[in-house]
Amino acid sequence: MSMNLSALAGNQRIKEQLSLQERGRGLSHAYMISGPAGAGKHTLARLLAAAMLCTGSGEKPCGQCGPCVKTAKGLHPDVILVDGPGEGKPITVDQVRQLRAGAYIRPNEGERKVYLLERADQMNPSAQNAMLKLLEEGPPYAAFLLLAENAGGLLETVRSRCELLALGPAEATADGEAQRERRQAAQELAGALERAGELELLEAAMVLDARRGREELSALLEALEGELGARAARAAGRRRLLRAVDLVKELRSAAKLNVNGGQLSGWLCAGMFDAR
């Protein structure tokens, strides 16, 4: 069974890792979720907590059952957020000791009890060592999600008891997603330009639509020109591909003049078939 982690931007490797775990031995009792501010640590922590408590069928978290809804709203009694005693202050050793006592009280509603520890990397060694005992000896239904900007701020003994989920920076993640989507769109449109009839090409060319900003449209056309050039270099009959390359060059110039994507898609289709 795979996991539904679409609410977390990017980080495909981590999504695949967690889905494999869910399908196999199940989710771990302890994760260290690290990454810079804005990387999605809280998003992933809530998704994991919901998945551990989800009662729906199919992908987890289903997002529809009572536990999923309560977790998303921060209302589930078995999902406990642990933060420092004051704004910006780290979790103290006394708080960890209280957490340890509470962990042995069975869950209120679900089969598991999930603790989210804020800024775990800022805990002092005493607090971390108290946490270590809980990670090693805690009850089987308890799960711990340690959130940290810097995983290196935690003792090696603590890190070794957790599975590390290192999130990429938000901007890099978004850029990577955009590049993958652009490359896939360029490949699909290049395939249509190489082989498709008029109707199929017109449908494929809708990818050059007005919802794309000028910069993104320009980047897509650049990727398309590169893809067509690569195909032309290895194709036996490349006349049609070379015609497409010339057309895309014209479209790139037109895009700089603020011609919209709908006009460009029509221009591309007309140019390919009027030239026959």
Protein backbone atom coordinates (compact mmCIF):
# COMPACT_ATOMS: atom_id res chain seq x y z
CA MET A 1 0.00 0.00 0.00
CA SER A 2 1.47 3.37 -0.98
CA MET A 3 1.13 6.56 1.02
CA ASN A 4 -0.72 9.70 0.02
CA LEU A 5 1.91 12.39 0.60
CA SER A 6 0.87 14.77 -2.18
CA ALA A 7 0.46 17.64 0.31
CA LEU A 8 4.25 17.66 0.70
CA ALA A 9 5.92 19.51 -2.16
CA GLY A 10 8.70 17.65 -3.97
CA ASN A 11 10.92 15.28 -1.96
CA GLN A 12 10.03 12.34 -4.19
CA ARG A 13 12.75 10.12 -2.75
CA ILE A 14 11.32 10.48 0.76
CA LYS A 15 7.79 9.80 -0.48
CA GLU A 16 8.96 6.59 -2.17
CA GLN A 17 10.90 5.56 0.93
CA LEU A 18 7.86 5.96 3.19
CA SER A 19 5.54 4.21 0.74
CA LEU A 20 7.90 1.23 0.62
CA GLN A 21 7.94 1.11 4.41
CA GLU A 22 4.15 1.28 4.61
CA ARG A 23 3.83 -1.56 2.11
CA GLY A 24 6.45 -3.63 3.92
CA ARG A 25 7.14 -3.62 7.64
CA GLY A 26 5.04 -0.53 8.37
CA LEU A 27 6.03 2.93 9.57
CA SER A 28 8.74 3.32 12.18
CA HIS A 29 8.21 4.38 15.80
CA ALA A 30 10.73 7.23 15.48
CA TYR A 31 11.61 9.67 12.70
CA MET A 32 13.88 12.66 12.64
CA ILE A 33 12.45 15.15 10.15
CA SER A 34 15.11 17.69 9.26
CA GLY A 35 15.36 20.59 6.85
CA PRO A 36 15.49 24.38 6.65
CA ALA A 37 12.57 26.63 7.55
CA GLY A 38 9.77 26.28 5.02
CA ALA A 39 10.93 22.87 3.78
CA GLY A 40 7.72 21.15 4.94
CA LYS A 41 8.72 19.55 8.24
CA HIS A 42 5.35 20.19 9.90
CA THR A 43 3.47 19.12 6.79
CA LEU A 44 5.27 15.79 6.71
CA ALA A 45 4.92 15.30 10.47
CA ARG A 46 1.14 15.80 10.26
CA LEU A 47 0.90 13.44 7.29
CA LEU A 48 2.84 10.74 9.15
CA ALA A 49 0.74 11.21 12.28
CA ALA A 50 -2.45 10.97 10.21
CA ALA A 51 -1.17 7.86 8.42
CA MET A 52 -0.42 6.16 11.74
CA LEU A 53 -3.96 6.83 12.98
CA CYS A 54 -5.88 6.55 9.68
CA THR A 55 -8.81 4.11 9.66
CA GLY A 56 -9.63 4.46 5.95
CA SER A 57 -8.95 1.86 3.29
CA GLY A 58 -6.47 2.31 0.44
CA GLU A 59 -3.74 4.94 0.58
CA LYS A 60 -2.83 6.39 3.94
CA PRO A 61 -3.55 8.97 5.14
CA CYS A 62 -6.91 8.87 3.37
CA GLY A 63 -7.73 12.43 4.46
CA GLN A 64 -11.42 11.53 4.89
CA CYS A 65 -11.78 9.42 8.02
CA GLY A 66 -12.34 10.93 11.46
CA PRO A 67 -8.72 10.53 12.66
CA CYS A 68 -7.34 12.12 9.46
CA VAL A 69 -9.69 15.10 9.73
CA LYS A 70 -8.93 15.62 13.41
CA THR A 71 -5.17 15.36 12.82
CA ALA A 72 -5.29 17.88 9.96
CA LYS A 73 -7.15 20.33 12.21
CA GLY A 74 -4.80 19.75 15.15
CA LEU A 75 -7.62 18.29 17.26
CA HIS A 76 -6.72 14.60 17.60
CA PRO A 77 -6.13 13.75 21.29
CA ASP A 78 -3.49 11.15 20.38
CA VAL A 79 -1.32 13.61 18.42
CA ILE A 80 0.64 15.63 20.97
CA LEU A 81 2.76 18.64 20.04
CA VAL A 82 5.65 19.23 22.44
CA ASP A 83 7.30 22.66 22.39
CA GLY A 84 9.59 24.59 24.72
CA PRO A 85 8.26 26.42 27.82
CA GLY A 86 8.43 29.81 26.10
CA GLU A 87 8.65 31.31 22.63
CA GLY A 88 11.87 30.18 20.95
CA LYS A 89 12.96 28.14 23.97
CA PRO A 90 13.96 24.47 23.54
CA ILE A 91 12.23 21.51 25.16
CA THR A 92 13.58 20.91 28.67
CA VAL A 93 14.59 17.73 30.44
CA ASP A 94 11.58 18.12 32.78
CA GLN A 95 9.25 18.25 29.78
CA VAL A 96 10.80 15.06 28.38
CA ARG A 97 10.31 13.34 31.74
CA GLN A 98 6.64 14.40 31.75
CA LEU A 99 6.35 13.19 28.17
CA ARG A 100 7.82 9.86 29.21
CA ALA A 101 5.25 9.43 31.96
CA GLY A 102 2.40 10.39 29.62
CA ALA A 103 3.58 8.04 26.89
CA TYR A 104 2.74 5.03 29.07
CA ILE A 105 -0.89 6.11 29.29
CA ARG A 106 -2.67 4.29 26.47
CA PRO A 107 -4.07 6.26 23.50
CA ASN A 108 -7.46 7.94 23.90
CA GLU A 109 -8.98 6.99 20.55
CA GLY A 110 -6.50 5.43 18.14
CA GLU A 111 -4.13 2.50 18.12
CA ARG A 112 -1.09 4.79 18.37
CA LYS A 113 0.00 7.88 20.24
CA VAL A 114 2.13 10.28 18.21
CA TYR A 115 4.42 12.96 19.65
CA LEU A 116 5.75 15.86 17.56
CA LEU A 117 8.81 17.46 19.16
CA GLU A 118 9.57 21.01 18.00
CA ARG A 119 13.20 22.15 17.55
CA ALA A 120 14.52 18.84 18.85
CA ASP A 121 18.03 19.80 17.73
CA GLN A 122 18.07 22.61 20.33
CA MET A 123 17.46 20.34 23.33
CA ASN A 124 20.41 20.21 25.71
CA PRO A 125 22.27 16.90 26.28
CA SER A 126 20.29 16.08 29.45
CA ALA A 127 16.97 16.42 27.62
CA GLN A 128 18.29 14.42 24.70
CA ASN A 129 19.52 11.62 26.93
CA ALA A 130 16.12 11.49 28.63
CA MET A 131 14.56 11.28 25.17
CA LEU A 132 16.97 8.49 24.23
CA LYS A 133 15.59 6.26 26.99
CA LEU A 134 12.08 6.81 25.67
CA LEU A 135 13.14 5.99 22.10
CA GLU A 136 14.76 2.78 23.33
CA GLU A 137 12.22 1.65 25.92
CA GLY A 138 8.93 3.38 25.04
CA PRO A 139 5.63 1.49 24.69
CA PRO A 140 5.00 -0.15 21.29
CA TYR A 141 2.05 2.11 20.45
CA ALA A 142 4.03 5.36 20.90
CA ALA A 143 5.65 7.13 17.95
CA PHE A 144 8.01 10.10 18.03
CA LEU A 145 8.61 12.66 15.30
CA LEU A 146 11.61 14.86 16.06
CA LEU A 147 11.63 18.09 14.02
CA ALA A 148 15.00 19.74 13.47
CA GLU A 149 16.56 22.31 11.19
CA ASN A 150 19.98 20.80 11.84
CA ALA A 151 20.04 17.03 12.38
CA GLY A 152 23.68 17.38 13.48
CA GLY A 153 22.47 19.21 16.59
CA LEU A 154 21.21 15.92 18.01
CA LEU A 155 23.41 13.40 19.76
CA GLU A 156 24.55 10.51 17.58
CA THR A 157 22.91 8.10 20.03
CA VAL A 158 19.55 9.84 19.47
CA ARG A 159 20.00 10.04 15.70
CA SER A 160 20.81 6.35 15.51
CA ARG A 161 17.45 5.46 17.12
CA CYS A 162 15.51 7.43 14.49
CA GLU A 163 15.03 7.13 10.76
CA LEU A 164 16.22 10.32 9.11
CA LEU A 165 13.95 12.14 6.66
CA ALA A 166 16.01 15.04 5.31
CA LEU A 167 13.82 17.47 3.37
CA GLY A 168 15.21 19.64 0.59
CA PRO A 169 14.92 23.45 0.64
CA ALA A 170 11.47 24.65 -0.44
CA GLU A 171 12.75 26.72 -3.36
CA ALA A 172 15.00 23.95 -4.68
CA THR A 173 12.13 21.50 -4.37
CA ALA A 174 9.78 23.76 -6.29
CA ASP A 175 12.41 24.38 -8.97
CA GLY A 176 13.04 20.66 -9.35
CA GLU A 177 9.34 19.94 -9.69
CA ALA A 178 8.96 22.68 -12.32
CA GLN A 179 11.93 21.39 -14.30
CA ARG A 180 10.58 17.84 -14.32
CA GLU A 181 7.14 18.99 -15.40
CA ARG A 182 8.66 21.17 -18.14
CA ARG A 183 10.88 18.36 -19.43
CA GLN A 184 7.94 15.94 -19.55
CA ALA A 185 5.75 18.49 -21.38
CA ALA A 186 8.54 19.14 -23.91
CA GLN A 187 8.99 15.40 -24.54
CA GLU A 188 5.27 14.82 -25.06
CA LEU A 189 4.88 17.77 -27.42
CA ALA A 190 8.03 16.80 -29.34
CA GLY A 191 6.58 13.32 -29.80
CA ALA A 192 3.38 14.81 -31.21
CA LEU A 193 5.33 17.08 -33.56
CA GLU A 194 7.29 14.07 -34.78
CA ARG A 195 4.38 11.69 -35.39
CA ALA A 196 0.87 13.05 -34.73
CA GLY A 197 -1.84 14.15 -37.13
CA GLU A 198 -3.43 17.59 -37.02
CA LEU A 199 -6.06 16.85 -34.37
CA GLU A 200 -3.64 15.04 -32.06
CA LEU A 201 -1.05 17.79 -32.45
CA LEU A 202 -3.60 20.49 -31.71
CA GLU A 203 -4.55 18.68 -28.51
CA ALA A 204 -0.91 18.19 -27.47
CA ALA A 205 -0.08 21.85 -28.25
CA MET A 206 -2.58 22.97 -25.60
CA VAL A 207 0.34 22.62 -23.19
CA LEU A 208 1.37 26.06 -24.53
CA ASP A 209 -1.65 27.63 -22.90
CA ALA A 210 -2.23 31.08 -21.46
CA ARG A 211 -1.94 29.85 -17.87
CA ARG A 212 1.84 29.86 -18.21
CA GLY A 213 3.65 33.09 -17.49
CA ARG A 214 5.97 34.54 -20.11
CA GLU A 215 9.13 33.22 -18.40
CA GLU A 216 7.75 29.70 -18.02
CA LEU A 217 6.45 29.67 -21.59
CA SER A 218 9.86 30.77 -22.84
CA ALA A 219 11.57 28.06 -20.76
CA LEU A 220 9.19 25.40 -22.13
CA LEU A 221 9.86 26.46 -25.73
CA GLU A 222 13.60 26.33 -25.07
CA ALA A 223 13.26 22.81 -23.66
CA LEU A 224 11.10 21.84 -26.66
CA GLU A 225 13.66 23.12 -29.14
CA GLY A 226 16.38 21.13 -27.39
CA GLU A 227 14.27 17.97 -27.37
CA LEU A 228 13.43 18.33 -31.07
CA GLY A 229 17.07 18.96 -31.95
CA ALA A 230 18.13 15.82 -30.10
CA ARG A 231 15.49 13.74 -31.90
CA ALA A 232 16.43 15.17 -35.29
CA ALA A 233 20.07 14.27 -34.71
CA ARG A 234 19.29 10.58 -34.29
CA ALA A 235 16.27 10.20 -36.62
CA ALA A 236 16.50 8.66 -40.08
CA GLY A 237 13.72 10.75 -41.62
CA ARG A 238 14.16 14.09 -39.94
CA ARG A 239 12.61 16.57 -42.34
CA ARG A 240 9.50 17.02 -40.22
CA LEU A 241 11.56 17.39 -37.06
CA LEU A 242 13.76 20.07 -38.62
CA ARG A 243 10.65 21.94 -39.72
CA ALA A 244 9.42 21.77 -36.13
CA VAL A 245 12.75 23.14 -34.85
CA ASP A 246 12.48 26.14 -37.19
CA LEU A 247 8.91 26.78 -36.09
CA VAL A 248 9.79 26.63 -32.40
CA LYS A 249 12.58 29.16 -32.98
CA GLU A 250 9.98 31.50 -34.49
CA LEU A 251 7.68 30.87 -31.55
CA ARG A 252 10.45 31.71 -29.07
CA SER A 253 10.92 35.09 -30.75
CA ALA A 254 7.17 35.69 -30.74
CA ALA A 255 6.91 34.77 -27.05
CA LYS A 256 9.28 37.63 -26.22
CA LEU A 257 6.70 40.00 -27.76
CA ASN A 258 4.04 38.82 -25.30
CA VAL A 259 2.16 36.59 -27.76
CA ASN A 260 0.04 34.28 -25.60
CA GLY A 261 0.24 30.50 -25.42
CA GLY A 262 -3.04 29.93 -27.25
CA GLN A 263 -1.81 31.92 -30.24
CA LEU A 264 1.50 30.05 -30.19
CA SER A 265 -0.17 26.64 -30.18
CA GLY A 266 -2.30 27.61 -33.20
CA TRP A 267 0.77 28.99 -34.99
CA LEU A 268 2.68 25.78 -34.33
CA CYS A 269 -0.07 23.51 -35.69
CA ALA A 270 -0.72 25.69 -38.75
CA GLY A 271 2.99 25.90 -39.53
CA MET A 272 3.49 22.15 -39.35
CA PHE A 273 0.64 21.22 -41.68
CA ASP A 274 0.54 24.21 -44.02
CA ALA A 275 4.12 23.40 -44.96
CA ARG A 276 3.27 20.00 -46.45
